[in-house]
Amino acid sequence: SGPGLVKPSQTLSLTCTVSGGSITT
């Protein structure tokens, strides 16, 4: 999830949401 459009020089921030398992496994 995150923005579909980013302007030049700016920072992209995307998040990945995990279900059905832990990212600390």
PDBML (XML) file of the C-alpha atoms, coordinates in Angstrom:
<?xml version="1.0" encoding="UTF-8" ?>
<PDBx:datablock datablockName="MODEL"
   xmlns:PDBx="http://pdbml.pdb.org/schema/pdbx-v50.xsd"
   xmlns:xsi="http://www.w3.org/2001/XMLSchema-instance"
   xsi:schemaLocation="http://pdbml.pdb.org/schema/pdbx-v50.xsd pdbx-v50.xsd">
   <PDBx:atom_siteCategory>
      <PDBx:atom_site id="1">
         <PDBx:B_iso_or_equiv>0.00</PDBx:B_iso_or_equiv>
         <PDBx:Cartn_x>0.000</PDBx:Cartn_x>
         <PDBx:Cartn_y>0.000</PDBx:Cartn_y>
         <PDBx:Cartn_z>0.000</PDBx:Cartn_z>
         <PDBx:auth_asym_id>A</PDBx:auth_asym_id>
         <PDBx:auth_atom_id>CA</PDBx:auth_atom_id>
         <PDBx:auth_comp_id>SER</PDBx:auth_comp_id>
         <PDBx:auth_seq_id>1</PDBx:auth_seq_id>
         <PDBx:group_PDB>ATOM</PDBx:group_PDB>
         <PDBx:label_alt_id xsi:nil="true" />
         <PDBx:label_asym_id>A</PDBx:label_asym_id>
         <PDBx:label_atom_id>CA</PDBx:label_atom_id>
         <PDBx:label_comp_id>SER</PDBx:label_comp_id>
         <PDBx:label_entity_id>1</PDBx:label_entity_id>
         <PDBx:label_seq_id>1</PDBx:label_seq_id>
         <PDBx:occupancy>1.00</PDBx:occupancy>
         <PDBx:pdbx_PDB_model_num>1</PDBx:pdbx_PDB_model_num>
         <PDBx:type_symbol>C</PDBx:type_symbol>
      </PDBx:atom_site>
      <PDBx:atom_site id="2">
         <PDBx:B_iso_or_equiv>0.00</PDBx:B_iso_or_equiv>
         <PDBx:Cartn_x>1.100</PDBx:Cartn_x>
         <PDBx:Cartn_y>3.545</PDBx:Cartn_y>
         <PDBx:Cartn_z>-0.682</PDBx:Cartn_z>
         <PDBx:auth_asym_id>A</PDBx:auth_asym_id>
         <PDBx:auth_atom_id>CA</PDBx:auth_atom_id>
         <PDBx:auth_comp_id>GLY</PDBx:auth_comp_id>
         <PDBx:auth_seq_id>2</PDBx:auth_seq_id>
         <PDBx:group_PDB>ATOM</PDBx:group_PDB>
         <PDBx:label_alt_id xsi:nil="true" />
         <PDBx:label_asym_id>A</PDBx:label_asym_id>
         <PDBx:label_atom_id>CA</PDBx:label_atom_id>
         <PDBx:label_comp_id>GLY</PDBx:label_comp_id>
         <PDBx:label_entity_id>1</PDBx:label_entity_id>
         <PDBx:label_seq_id>2</PDBx:label_seq_id>
         <PDBx:occupancy>1.00</PDBx:occupancy>
         <PDBx:pdbx_PDB_model_num>1</PDBx:pdbx_PDB_model_num>
         <PDBx:type_symbol>C</PDBx:type_symbol>
      </PDBx:atom_site>
      <PDBx:atom_site id="3">
         <PDBx:B_iso_or_equiv>0.00</PDBx:B_iso_or_equiv>
         <PDBx:Cartn_x>0.924</PDBx:Cartn_x>
         <PDBx:Cartn_y>6.336</PDBx:Cartn_y>
         <PDBx:Cartn_z>-3.248</PDBx:Cartn_z>
         <PDBx:auth_asym_id>A</PDBx:auth_asym_id>
         <PDBx:auth_atom_id>CA</PDBx:auth_atom_id>
         <PDBx:auth_comp_id>PRO</PDBx:auth_comp_id>
         <PDBx:auth_seq_id>3</PDBx:auth_seq_id>
         <PDBx:group_PDB>ATOM</PDBx:group_PDB>
         <PDBx:label_alt_id xsi:nil="true" />
         <PDBx:label_asym_id>A</PDBx:label_asym_id>
         <PDBx:label_atom_id>CA</PDBx:label_atom_id>
         <PDBx:label_comp_id>PRO</PDBx:label_comp_id>
         <PDBx:label_entity_id>1</PDBx:label_entity_id>
         <PDBx:label_seq_id>3</PDBx:label_seq_id>
         <PDBx:occupancy>1.00</PDBx:occupancy>
         <PDBx:pdbx_PDB_model_num>1</PDBx:pdbx_PDB_model_num>
         <PDBx:type_symbol>C</PDBx:type_symbol>
      </PDBx:atom_site>
      <PDBx:atom_site id="4">
         <PDBx:B_iso_or_equiv>0.00</PDBx:B_iso_or_equiv>
         <PDBx:Cartn_x>0.656</PDBx:Cartn_x>
         <PDBx:Cartn_y>5.587</PDBx:Cartn_y>
         <PDBx:Cartn_z>-6.930</PDBx:Cartn_z>
         <PDBx:auth_asym_id>A</PDBx:auth_asym_id>
         <PDBx:auth_atom_id>CA</PDBx:auth_atom_id>
         <PDBx:auth_comp_id>GLY</PDBx:auth_comp_id>
         <PDBx:auth_seq_id>4</PDBx:auth_seq_id>
         <PDBx:group_PDB>ATOM</PDBx:group_PDB>
         <PDBx:label_alt_id xsi:nil="true" />
         <PDBx:label_asym_id>A</PDBx:label_asym_id>
         <PDBx:label_atom_id>CA</PDBx:label_atom_id>
         <PDBx:label_comp_id>GLY</PDBx:label_comp_id>
         <PDBx:label_entity_id>1</PDBx:label_entity_id>
         <PDBx:label_seq_id>4</PDBx:label_seq_id>
         <PDBx:occupancy>1.00</PDBx:occupancy>
         <PDBx:pdbx_PDB_model_num>1</PDBx:pdbx_PDB_model_num>
         <PDBx:type_symbol>C</PDBx:type_symbol>
      </PDBx:atom_site>
      <PDBx:atom_site id="5">
         <PDBx:B_iso_or_equiv>0.00</PDBx:B_iso_or_equiv>
         <PDBx:Cartn_x>2.198</PDBx:Cartn_x>
         <PDBx:Cartn_y>8.908</PDBx:Cartn_y>
         <PDBx:Cartn_z>-7.938</PDBx:Cartn_z>
         <PDBx:auth_asym_id>A</PDBx:auth_asym_id>
         <PDBx:auth_atom_id>CA</PDBx:auth_atom_id>
         <PDBx:auth_comp_id>LEU</PDBx:auth_comp_id>
         <PDBx:auth_seq_id>5</PDBx:auth_seq_id>
         <PDBx:group_PDB>ATOM</PDBx:group_PDB>
         <PDBx:label_alt_id xsi:nil="true" />
         <PDBx:label_asym_id>A</PDBx:label_asym_id>
         <PDBx:label_atom_id>CA</PDBx:label_atom_id>
         <PDBx:label_comp_id>LEU</PDBx:label_comp_id>
         <PDBx:label_entity_id>1</PDBx:label_entity_id>
         <PDBx:label_seq_id>5</PDBx:label_seq_id>
         <PDBx:occupancy>1.00</PDBx:occupancy>
         <PDBx:pdbx_PDB_model_num>1</PDBx:pdbx_PDB_model_num>
         <PDBx:type_symbol>C</PDBx:type_symbol>
      </PDBx:atom_site>
      <PDBx:atom_site id="6">
         <PDBx:B_iso_or_equiv>0.00</PDBx:B_iso_or_equiv>
         <PDBx:Cartn_x>5.341</PDBx:Cartn_x>
         <PDBx:Cartn_y>10.545</PDBx:Cartn_y>
         <PDBx:Cartn_z>-6.557</PDBx:Cartn_z>
         <PDBx:auth_asym_id>A</PDBx:auth_asym_id>
         <PDBx:auth_atom_id>CA</PDBx:auth_atom_id>
         <PDBx:auth_comp_id>VAL</PDBx:auth_comp_id>
         <PDBx:auth_seq_id>6</PDBx:auth_seq_id>
         <PDBx:group_PDB>ATOM</PDBx:group_PDB>
         <PDBx:label_alt_id xsi:nil="true" />
         <PDBx:label_asym_id>A</PDBx:label_asym_id>
         <PDBx:label_atom_id>CA</PDBx:label_atom_id>
         <PDBx:label_comp_id>VAL</PDBx:label_comp_id>
         <PDBx:label_entity_id>1</PDBx:label_entity_id>
         <PDBx:label_seq_id>6</PDBx:label_seq_id>
         <PDBx:occupancy>1.00</PDBx:occupancy>
         <PDBx:pdbx_PDB_model_num>1</PDBx:pdbx_PDB_model_num>
         <PDBx:type_symbol>C</PDBx:type_symbol>
      </PDBx:atom_site>
      <PDBx:atom_site id="7">
         <PDBx:B_iso_or_equiv>0.00</PDBx:B_iso_or_equiv>
         <PDBx:Cartn_x>6.948</PDBx:Cartn_x>
         <PDBx:Cartn_y>13.798</PDBx:Cartn_y>
         <PDBx:Cartn_z>-7.642</PDBx:Cartn_z>
         <PDBx:auth_asym_id>A</PDBx:auth_asym_id>
         <PDBx:auth_atom_id>CA</PDBx:auth_atom_id>
         <PDBx:auth_comp_id>LYS</PDBx:auth_comp_id>
         <PDBx:auth_seq_id>7</PDBx:auth_seq_id>
         <PDBx:group_PDB>ATOM</PDBx:group_PDB>
         <PDBx:label_alt_id xsi:nil="true" />
         <PDBx:label_asym_id>A</PDBx:label_asym_id>
         <PDBx:label_atom_id>CA</PDBx:label_atom_id>
         <PDBx:label_comp_id>LYS</PDBx:label_comp_id>
         <PDBx:label_entity_id>1</PDBx:label_entity_id>
         <PDBx:label_seq_id>7</PDBx:label_seq_id>
         <PDBx:occupancy>1.00</PDBx:occupancy>
         <PDBx:pdbx_PDB_model_num>1</PDBx:pdbx_PDB_model_num>
         <PDBx:type_symbol>C</PDBx:type_symbol>
      </PDBx:atom_site>
      <PDBx:atom_site id="8">
         <PDBx:B_iso_or_equiv>0.00</PDBx:B_iso_or_equiv>
         <PDBx:Cartn_x>10.624</PDBx:Cartn_x>
         <PDBx:Cartn_y>13.932</PDBx:Cartn_y>
         <PDBx:Cartn_z>-8.633</PDBx:Cartn_z>
         <PDBx:auth_asym_id>A</PDBx:auth_asym_id>
         <PDBx:auth_atom_id>CA</PDBx:auth_atom_id>
         <PDBx:auth_comp_id>PRO</PDBx:auth_comp_id>
         <PDBx:auth_seq_id>8</PDBx:auth_seq_id>
         <PDBx:group_PDB>ATOM</PDBx:group_PDB>
         <PDBx:label_alt_id xsi:nil="true" />
         <PDBx:label_asym_id>A</PDBx:label_asym_id>
         <PDBx:label_atom_id>CA</PDBx:label_atom_id>
         <PDBx:label_comp_id>PRO</PDBx:label_comp_id>
         <PDBx:label_entity_id>1</PDBx:label_entity_id>
         <PDBx:label_seq_id>8</PDBx:label_seq_id>
         <PDBx:occupancy>1.00</PDBx:occupancy>
         <PDBx:pdbx_PDB_model_num>1</PDBx:pdbx_PDB_model_num>
         <PDBx:type_symbol>C</PDBx:type_symbol>
      </PDBx:atom_site>
      <PDBx:atom_site id="9">
         <PDBx:B_iso_or_equiv>0.00</PDBx:B_iso_or_equiv>
         <PDBx:Cartn_x>13.003</PDBx:Cartn_x>
         <PDBx:Cartn_y>14.495</PDBx:Cartn_y>
         <PDBx:Cartn_z>-5.695</PDBx:Cartn_z>
         <PDBx:auth_asym_id>A</PDBx:auth_asym_id>
         <PDBx:auth_atom_id>CA</PDBx:auth_atom_id>
         <PDBx:auth_comp_id>SER</PDBx:auth_comp_id>
         <PDBx:auth_seq_id>9</PDBx:auth_seq_id>
         <PDBx:group_PDB>ATOM</PDBx:group_PDB>
         <PDBx:label_alt_id xsi:nil="true" />
         <PDBx:label_asym_id>A</PDBx:label_asym_id>
         <PDBx:label_atom_id>CA</PDBx:label_atom_id>
         <PDBx:label_comp_id>SER</PDBx:label_comp_id>
         <PDBx:label_entity_id>1</PDBx:label_entity_id>
         <PDBx:label_seq_id>9</PDBx:label_seq_id>
         <PDBx:occupancy>1.00</PDBx:occupancy>
         <PDBx:pdbx_PDB_model_num>1</PDBx:pdbx_PDB_model_num>
         <PDBx:type_symbol>C</PDBx:type_symbol>
      </PDBx:atom_site>
      <PDBx:atom_site id="10">
         <PDBx:B_iso_or_equiv>0.00</PDBx:B_iso_or_equiv>
         <PDBx:Cartn_x>10.418</PDBx:Cartn_x>
         <PDBx:Cartn_y>13.308</PDBx:Cartn_y>
         <PDBx:Cartn_z>-3.186</PDBx:Cartn_z>
         <PDBx:auth_asym_id>A</PDBx:auth_asym_id>
         <PDBx:auth_atom_id>CA</PDBx:auth_atom_id>
         <PDBx:auth_comp_id>GLN</PDBx:auth_comp_id>
         <PDBx:auth_seq_id>10</PDBx:auth_seq_id>
         <PDBx:group_PDB>ATOM</PDBx:group_PDB>
         <PDBx:label_alt_id xsi:nil="true" />
         <PDBx:label_asym_id>A</PDBx:label_asym_id>
         <PDBx:label_atom_id>CA</PDBx:label_atom_id>
         <PDBx:label_comp_id>GLN</PDBx:label_comp_id>
         <PDBx:label_entity_id>1</PDBx:label_entity_id>
         <PDBx:label_seq_id>10</PDBx:label_seq_id>
         <PDBx:occupancy>1.00</PDBx:occupancy>
         <PDBx:pdbx_PDB_model_num>1</PDBx:pdbx_PDB_model_num>
         <PDBx:type_symbol>C</PDBx:type_symbol>
      </PDBx:atom_site>
      <PDBx:atom_site id="11">
         <PDBx:B_iso_or_equiv>0.00</PDBx:B_iso_or_equiv>
         <PDBx:Cartn_x>10.529</PDBx:Cartn_x>
         <PDBx:Cartn_y>10.155</PDBx:Cartn_y>
         <PDBx:Cartn_z>-1.082</PDBx:Cartn_z>
         <PDBx:auth_asym_id>A</PDBx:auth_asym_id>
         <PDBx:auth_atom_id>CA</PDBx:auth_atom_id>
         <PDBx:auth_comp_id>THR</PDBx:auth_comp_id>
         <PDBx:auth_seq_id>11</PDBx:auth_seq_id>
         <PDBx:group_PDB>ATOM</PDBx:group_PDB>
         <PDBx:label_alt_id xsi:nil="true" />
         <PDBx:label_asym_id>A</PDBx:label_asym_id>
         <PDBx:label_atom_id>CA</PDBx:label_atom_id>
         <PDBx:label_comp_id>THR</PDBx:label_comp_id>
         <PDBx:label_entity_id>1</PDBx:label_entity_id>
         <PDBx:label_seq_id>11</PDBx:label_seq_id>
         <PDBx:occupancy>1.00</PDBx:occupancy>
         <PDBx:pdbx_PDB_model_num>1</PDBx:pdbx_PDB_model_num>
         <PDBx:type_symbol>C</PDBx:type_symbol>
      </PDBx:atom_site>
      <PDBx:atom_site id="12">
         <PDBx:B_iso_or_equiv>0.00</PDBx:B_iso_or_equiv>
         <PDBx:Cartn_x>8.454</PDBx:Cartn_x>
         <PDBx:Cartn_y>7.070</PDBx:Cartn_y>
         <PDBx:Cartn_z>-1.758</PDBx:Cartn_z>
         <PDBx:auth_asym_id>A</PDBx:auth_asym_id>
         <PDBx:auth_atom_id>CA</PDBx:auth_atom_id>
         <PDBx:auth_comp_id>LEU</PDBx:auth_comp_id>
         <PDBx:auth_seq_id>12</PDBx:auth_seq_id>
         <PDBx:group_PDB>ATOM</PDBx:group_PDB>
         <PDBx:label_alt_id xsi:nil="true" />
         <PDBx:label_asym_id>A</PDBx:label_asym_id>
         <PDBx:label_atom_id>CA</PDBx:label_atom_id>
         <PDBx:label_comp_id>LEU</PDBx:label_comp_id>
         <PDBx:label_entity_id>1</PDBx:label_entity_id>
         <PDBx:label_seq_id>12</PDBx:label_seq_id>
         <PDBx:occupancy>1.00</PDBx:occupancy>
         <PDBx:pdbx_PDB_model_num>1</PDBx:pdbx_PDB_model_num>
         <PDBx:type_symbol>C</PDBx:type_symbol>
      </PDBx:atom_site>
      <PDBx:atom_site id="13">
         <PDBx:B_iso_or_equiv>0.00</PDBx:B_iso_or_equiv>
         <PDBx:Cartn_x>6.952</PDBx:Cartn_x>
         <PDBx:Cartn_y>5.313</PDBx:Cartn_y>
         <PDBx:Cartn_z>1.232</PDBx:Cartn_z>
         <PDBx:auth_asym_id>A</PDBx:auth_asym_id>
         <PDBx:auth_atom_id>CA</PDBx:auth_atom_id>
         <PDBx:auth_comp_id>SER</PDBx:auth_comp_id>
         <PDBx:auth_seq_id>13</PDBx:auth_seq_id>
         <PDBx:group_PDB>ATOM</PDBx:group_PDB>
         <PDBx:label_alt_id xsi:nil="true" />
         <PDBx:label_asym_id>A</PDBx:label_asym_id>
         <PDBx:label_atom_id>CA</PDBx:label_atom_id>
         <PDBx:label_comp_id>SER</PDBx:label_comp_id>
         <PDBx:label_entity_id>1</PDBx:label_entity_id>
         <PDBx:label_seq_id>13</PDBx:label_seq_id>
         <PDBx:occupancy>1.00</PDBx:occupancy>
         <PDBx:pdbx_PDB_model_num>1</PDBx:pdbx_PDB_model_num>
         <PDBx:type_symbol>C</PDBx:type_symbol>
      </PDBx:atom_site>
      <PDBx:atom_site id="14">
         <PDBx:B_iso_or_equiv>0.00</PDBx:B_iso_or_equiv>
         <PDBx:Cartn_x>5.321</PDBx:Cartn_x>
         <PDBx:Cartn_y>1.914</PDBx:Cartn_y>
         <PDBx:Cartn_z>0.750</PDBx:Cartn_z>
         <PDBx:auth_asym_id>A</PDBx:auth_asym_id>
         <PDBx:auth_atom_id>CA</PDBx:auth_atom_id>
         <PDBx:auth_comp_id>LEU</PDBx:auth_comp_id>
         <PDBx:auth_seq_id>14</PDBx:auth_seq_id>
         <PDBx:group_PDB>ATOM</PDBx:group_PDB>
         <PDBx:label_alt_id xsi:nil="true" />
         <PDBx:label_asym_id>A</PDBx:label_asym_id>
         <PDBx:label_atom_id>CA</PDBx:label_atom_id>
         <PDBx:label_comp_id>LEU</PDBx:label_comp_id>
         <PDBx:label_entity_id>1</PDBx:label_entity_id>
         <PDBx:label_seq_id>14</PDBx:label_seq_id>
         <PDBx:occupancy>1.00</PDBx:occupancy>
         <PDBx:pdbx_PDB_model_num>1</PDBx:pdbx_PDB_model_num>
         <PDBx:type_symbol>C</PDBx:type_symbol>
      </PDBx:atom_site>
      <PDBx:atom_site id="15">
         <PDBx:B_iso_or_equiv>0.00</PDBx:B_iso_or_equiv>
         <PDBx:Cartn_x>4.007</PDBx:Cartn_x>
         <PDBx:Cartn_y>-0.442</PDBx:Cartn_y>
         <PDBx:Cartn_z>3.398</PDBx:Cartn_z>
         <PDBx:auth_asym_id>A</PDBx:auth_asym_id>
         <PDBx:auth_atom_id>CA</PDBx:auth_atom_id>
         <PDBx:auth_comp_id>THR</PDBx:auth_comp_id>
         <PDBx:auth_seq_id>15</PDBx:auth_seq_id>
         <PDBx:group_PDB>ATOM</PDBx:group_PDB>
         <PDBx:label_alt_id xsi:nil="true" />
         <PDBx:label_asym_id>A</PDBx:label_asym_id>
         <PDBx:label_atom_id>CA</PDBx:label_atom_id>
         <PDBx:label_comp_id>THR</PDBx:label_comp_id>
         <PDBx:label_entity_id>1</PDBx:label_entity_id>
         <PDBx:label_seq_id>15</PDBx:label_seq_id>
         <PDBx:occupancy>1.00</PDBx:occupancy>
         <PDBx:pdbx_PDB_model_num>1</PDBx:pdbx_PDB_model_num>
         <PDBx:type_symbol>C</PDBx:type_symbol>
      </PDBx:atom_site>
      <PDBx:atom_site id="16">
         <PDBx:B_iso_or_equiv>0.00</PDBx:B_iso_or_equiv>
         <PDBx:Cartn_x>3.682</PDBx:Cartn_x>
         <PDBx:Cartn_y>-4.212</PDBx:Cartn_y>
         <PDBx:Cartn_z>3.165</PDBx:Cartn_z>
         <PDBx:auth_asym_id>A</PDBx:auth_asym_id>
         <PDBx:auth_atom_id>CA</PDBx:auth_atom_id>
         <PDBx:auth_comp_id>CYS</PDBx:auth_comp_id>
         <PDBx:auth_seq_id>16</PDBx:auth_seq_id>
         <PDBx:group_PDB>ATOM</PDBx:group_PDB>
         <PDBx:label_alt_id xsi:nil="true" />
         <PDBx:label_asym_id>A</PDBx:label_asym_id>
         <PDBx:label_atom_id>CA</PDBx:label_atom_id>
         <PDBx:label_comp_id>CYS</PDBx:label_comp_id>
         <PDBx:label_entity_id>1</PDBx:label_entity_id>
         <PDBx:label_seq_id>16</PDBx:label_seq_id>
         <PDBx:occupancy>1.00</PDBx:occupancy>
         <PDBx:pdbx_PDB_model_num>1</PDBx:pdbx_PDB_model_num>
         <PDBx:type_symbol>C</PDBx:type_symbol>
      </PDBx:atom_site>
      <PDBx:atom_site id="17">
         <PDBx:B_iso_or_equiv>0.00</PDBx:B_iso_or_equiv>
         <PDBx:Cartn_x>1.074</PDBx:Cartn_x>
         <PDBx:Cartn_y>-5.725</PDBx:Cartn_y>
         <PDBx:Cartn_z>5.435</PDBx:Cartn_z>
         <PDBx:auth_asym_id>A</PDBx:auth_asym_id>
         <PDBx:auth_atom_id>CA</PDBx:auth_atom_id>
         <PDBx:auth_comp_id>THR</PDBx:auth_comp_id>
         <PDBx:auth_seq_id>17</PDBx:auth_seq_id>
         <PDBx:group_PDB>ATOM</PDBx:group_PDB>
         <PDBx:label_alt_id xsi:nil="true" />
         <PDBx:label_asym_id>A</PDBx:label_asym_id>
         <PDBx:label_atom_id>CA</PDBx:label_atom_id>
         <PDBx:label_comp_id>THR</PDBx:label_comp_id>
         <PDBx:label_entity_id>1</PDBx:label_entity_id>
         <PDBx:label_seq_id>17</PDBx:label_seq_id>
         <PDBx:occupancy>1.00</PDBx:occupancy>
         <PDBx:pdbx_PDB_model_num>1</PDBx:pdbx_PDB_model_num>
         <PDBx:type_symbol>C</PDBx:type_symbol>
      </PDBx:atom_site>
      <PDBx:atom_site id="18">
         <PDBx:B_iso_or_equiv>0.00</PDBx:B_iso_or_equiv>
         <PDBx:Cartn_x>1.577</PDBx:Cartn_x>
         <PDBx:Cartn_y>-9.407</PDBx:Cartn_y>
         <PDBx:Cartn_z>6.218</PDBx:Cartn_z>
         <PDBx:auth_asym_id>A</PDBx:auth_asym_id>
         <PDBx:auth_atom_id>CA</PDBx:auth_atom_id>
         <PDBx:auth_comp_id>VAL</PDBx:auth_comp_id>
         <PDBx:auth_seq_id>18</PDBx:auth_seq_id>
         <PDBx:group_PDB>ATOM</PDBx:group_PDB>
         <PDBx:label_alt_id xsi:nil="true" />
         <PDBx:label_asym_id>A</PDBx:label_asym_id>
         <PDBx:label_atom_id>CA</PDBx:label_atom_id>
         <PDBx:label_comp_id>VAL</PDBx:label_comp_id>
         <PDBx:label_entity_id>1</PDBx:label_entity_id>
         <PDBx:label_seq_id>18</PDBx:label_seq_id>
         <PDBx:occupancy>1.00</PDBx:occupancy>
         <PDBx:pdbx_PDB_model_num>1</PDBx:pdbx_PDB_model_num>
         <PDBx:type_symbol>C</PDBx:type_symbol>
      </PDBx:atom_site>
      <PDBx:atom_site id="19">
         <PDBx:B_iso_or_equiv>0.00</PDBx:B_iso_or_equiv>
         <PDBx:Cartn_x>-1.237</PDBx:Cartn_x>
         <PDBx:Cartn_y>-11.692</PDBx:Cartn_y>
         <PDBx:Cartn_z>7.310</PDBx:Cartn_z>
         <PDBx:auth_asym_id>A</PDBx:auth_asym_id>
         <PDBx:auth_atom_id>CA</PDBx:auth_atom_id>
         <PDBx:auth_comp_id>SER</PDBx:auth_comp_id>
         <PDBx:auth_seq_id>19</PDBx:auth_seq_id>
         <PDBx:group_PDB>ATOM</PDBx:group_PDB>
         <PDBx:label_alt_id xsi:nil="true" />
         <PDBx:label_asym_id>A</PDBx:label_asym_id>
         <PDBx:label_atom_id>CA</PDBx:label_atom_id>
         <PDBx:label_comp_id>SER</PDBx:label_comp_id>
         <PDBx:label_entity_id>1</PDBx:label_entity_id>
         <PDBx:label_seq_id>19</PDBx:label_seq_id>
         <PDBx:occupancy>1.00</PDBx:occupancy>
         <PDBx:pdbx_PDB_model_num>1</PDBx:pdbx_PDB_model_num>
         <PDBx:type_symbol>C</PDBx:type_symbol>
      </PDBx:atom_site>
      <PDBx:atom_site id="20">
         <PDBx:B_iso_or_equiv>0.00</PDBx:B_iso_or_equiv>
         <PDBx:Cartn_x>-1.241</PDBx:Cartn_x>
         <PDBx:Cartn_y>-15.384</PDBx:Cartn_y>
         <PDBx:Cartn_z>8.129</PDBx:Cartn_z>
         <PDBx:auth_asym_id>A</PDBx:auth_asym_id>
         <PDBx:auth_atom_id>CA</PDBx:auth_atom_id>
         <PDBx:auth_comp_id>GLY</PDBx:auth_comp_id>
         <PDBx:auth_seq_id>20</PDBx:auth_seq_id>
         <PDBx:group_PDB>ATOM</PDBx:group_PDB>
         <PDBx:label_alt_id xsi:nil="true" />
         <PDBx:label_asym_id>A</PDBx:label_asym_id>
         <PDBx:label_atom_id>CA</PDBx:label_atom_id>
         <PDBx:label_comp_id>GLY</PDBx:label_comp_id>
         <PDBx:label_entity_id>1</PDBx:label_entity_id>
         <PDBx:label_seq_id>20</PDBx:label_seq_id>
         <PDBx:occupancy>1.00</PDBx:occupancy>
         <PDBx:pdbx_PDB_model_num>1</PDBx:pdbx_PDB_model_num>
         <PDBx:type_symbol>C</PDBx:type_symbol>
      </PDBx:atom_site>
      <PDBx:atom_site id="21">
         <PDBx:B_iso_or_equiv>0.00</PDBx:B_iso_or_equiv>
         <PDBx:Cartn_x>2.311</PDBx:Cartn_x>
         <PDBx:Cartn_y>-15.305</PDBx:Cartn_y>
         <PDBx:Cartn_z>9.474</PDBx:Cartn_z>
         <PDBx:auth_asym_id>A</PDBx:auth_asym_id>
         <PDBx:auth_atom_id>CA</PDBx:auth_atom_id>
         <PDBx:auth_comp_id>GLY</PDBx:auth_comp_id>
         <PDBx:auth_seq_id>21</PDBx:auth_seq_id>
         <PDBx:group_PDB>ATOM</PDBx:group_PDB>
         <PDBx:label_alt_id xsi:nil="true" />
         <PDBx:label_asym_id>A</PDBx:label_asym_id>
         <PDBx:label_atom_id>CA</PDBx:label_atom_id>
         <PDBx:label_comp_id>GLY</PDBx:label_comp_id>
         <PDBx:label_entity_id>1</PDBx:label_entity_id>
         <PDBx:label_seq_id>21</PDBx:label_seq_id>
         <PDBx:occupancy>1.00</PDBx:occupancy>
         <PDBx:pdbx_PDB_model_num>1</PDBx:pdbx_PDB_model_num>
         <PDBx:type_symbol>C</PDBx:type_symbol>
      </PDBx:atom_site>
      <PDBx:atom_site id="22">
         <PDBx:B_iso_or_equiv>0.00</PDBx:B_iso_or_equiv>
         <PDBx:Cartn_x>4.616</PDBx:Cartn_x>
         <PDBx:Cartn_y>-13.176</PDBx:Cartn_y>
         <PDBx:Cartn_z>11.586</PDBx:Cartn_z>
         <PDBx:auth_asym_id>A</PDBx:auth_asym_id>
         <PDBx:auth_atom_id>CA</PDBx:auth_atom_id>
         <PDBx:auth_comp_id>SER</PDBx:auth_comp_id>
         <PDBx:auth_seq_id>22</PDBx:auth_seq_id>
         <PDBx:group_PDB>ATOM</PDBx:group_PDB>
         <PDBx:label_alt_id xsi:nil="true" />
         <PDBx:label_asym_id>A</PDBx:label_asym_id>
         <PDBx:label_atom_id>CA</PDBx:label_atom_id>
         <PDBx:label_comp_id>SER</PDBx:label_comp_id>
         <PDBx:label_entity_id>1</PDBx:label_entity_id>
         <PDBx:label_seq_id>22</PDBx:label_seq_id>
         <PDBx:occupancy>1.00</PDBx:occupancy>
         <PDBx:pdbx_PDB_model_num>1</PDBx:pdbx_PDB_model_num>
         <PDBx:type_symbol>C</PDBx:type_symbol>
      </PDBx:atom_site>
      <PDBx:atom_site id="23">
         <PDBx:B_iso_or_equiv>0.00</PDBx:B_iso_or_equiv>
         <PDBx:Cartn_x>7.451</PDBx:Cartn_x>
         <PDBx:Cartn_y>-11.083</PDBx:Cartn_y>
         <PDBx:Cartn_z>10.188</PDBx:Cartn_z>
         <PDBx:auth_asym_id>A</PDBx:auth_asym_id>
         <PDBx:auth_atom_id>CA</PDBx:auth_atom_id>
         <PDBx:auth_comp_id>ILE</PDBx:auth_comp_id>
         <PDBx:auth_seq_id>23</PDBx:auth_seq_id>
         <PDBx:group_PDB>ATOM</PDBx:group_PDB>
         <PDBx:label_alt_id xsi:nil="true" />
         <PDBx:label_asym_id>A</PDBx:label_asym_id>
         <PDBx:label_atom_id>CA</PDBx:label_atom_id>
         <PDBx:label_comp_id>ILE</PDBx:label_comp_id>
         <PDBx:label_entity_id>1</PDBx:label_entity_id>
         <PDBx:label_seq_id>23</PDBx:label_seq_id>
         <PDBx:occupancy>1.00</PDBx:occupancy>
         <PDBx:pdbx_PDB_model_num>1</PDBx:pdbx_PDB_model_num>
         <PDBx:type_symbol>C</PDBx:type_symbol>
      </PDBx:atom_site>
      <PDBx:atom_site id="24">
         <PDBx:B_iso_or_equiv>0.00</PDBx:B_iso_or_equiv>
         <PDBx:Cartn_x>9.478</PDBx:Cartn_x>
         <PDBx:Cartn_y>-12.112</PDBx:Cartn_y>
         <PDBx:Cartn_z>13.224</PDBx:Cartn_z>
         <PDBx:auth_asym_id>A</PDBx:auth_asym_id>
         <PDBx:auth_atom_id>CA</PDBx:auth_atom_id>
         <PDBx:auth_comp_id>THR</PDBx:auth_comp_id>
         <PDBx:auth_seq_id>24</PDBx:auth_seq_id>
         <PDBx:group_PDB>ATOM</PDBx:group_PDB>
         <PDBx:label_alt_id xsi:nil="true" />
         <PDBx:label_asym_id>A</PDBx:label_asym_id>
         <PDBx:label_atom_id>CA</PDBx:label_atom_id>
         <PDBx:label_comp_id>THR</PDBx:label_comp_id>
         <PDBx:label_entity_id>1</PDBx:label_entity_id>
         <PDBx:label_seq_id>24</PDBx:label_seq_id>
         <PDBx:occupancy>1.00</PDBx:occupancy>
         <PDBx:pdbx_PDB_model_num>1</PDBx:pdbx_PDB_model_num>
         <PDBx:type_symbol>C</PDBx:type_symbol>
      </PDBx:atom_site>
      <PDBx:atom_site id="25">
         <PDBx:B_iso_or_equiv>0.00</PDBx:B_iso_or_equiv>
         <PDBx:Cartn_x>9.253</PDBx:Cartn_x>
         <PDBx:Cartn_y>-15.848</PDBx:Cartn_y>
         <PDBx:Cartn_z>12.545</PDBx:Cartn_z>
         <PDBx:auth_asym_id>A</PDBx:auth_asym_id>
         <PDBx:auth_atom_id>CA</PDBx:auth_atom_id>
         <PDBx:auth_comp_id>THR</PDBx:auth_comp_id>
         <PDBx:auth_seq_id>25</PDBx:auth_seq_id>
         <PDBx:group_PDB>ATOM</PDBx:group_PDB>
         <PDBx:label_alt_id xsi:nil="true" />
         <PDBx:label_asym_id>A</PDBx:label_asym_id>
         <PDBx:label_atom_id>CA</PDBx:label_atom_id>
         <PDBx:label_comp_id>THR</PDBx:label_comp_id>
         <PDBx:label_entity_id>1</PDBx:label_entity_id>
         <PDBx:label_seq_id>25</PDBx:label_seq_id>
         <PDBx:occupancy>1.00</PDBx:occupancy>
         <PDBx:pdbx_PDB_model_num>1</PDBx:pdbx_PDB_model_num>
         <PDBx:type_symbol>C</PDBx:type_symbol>
      </PDBx:atom_site>
   </PDBx:atom_siteCategory>
</PDBx:datablock>
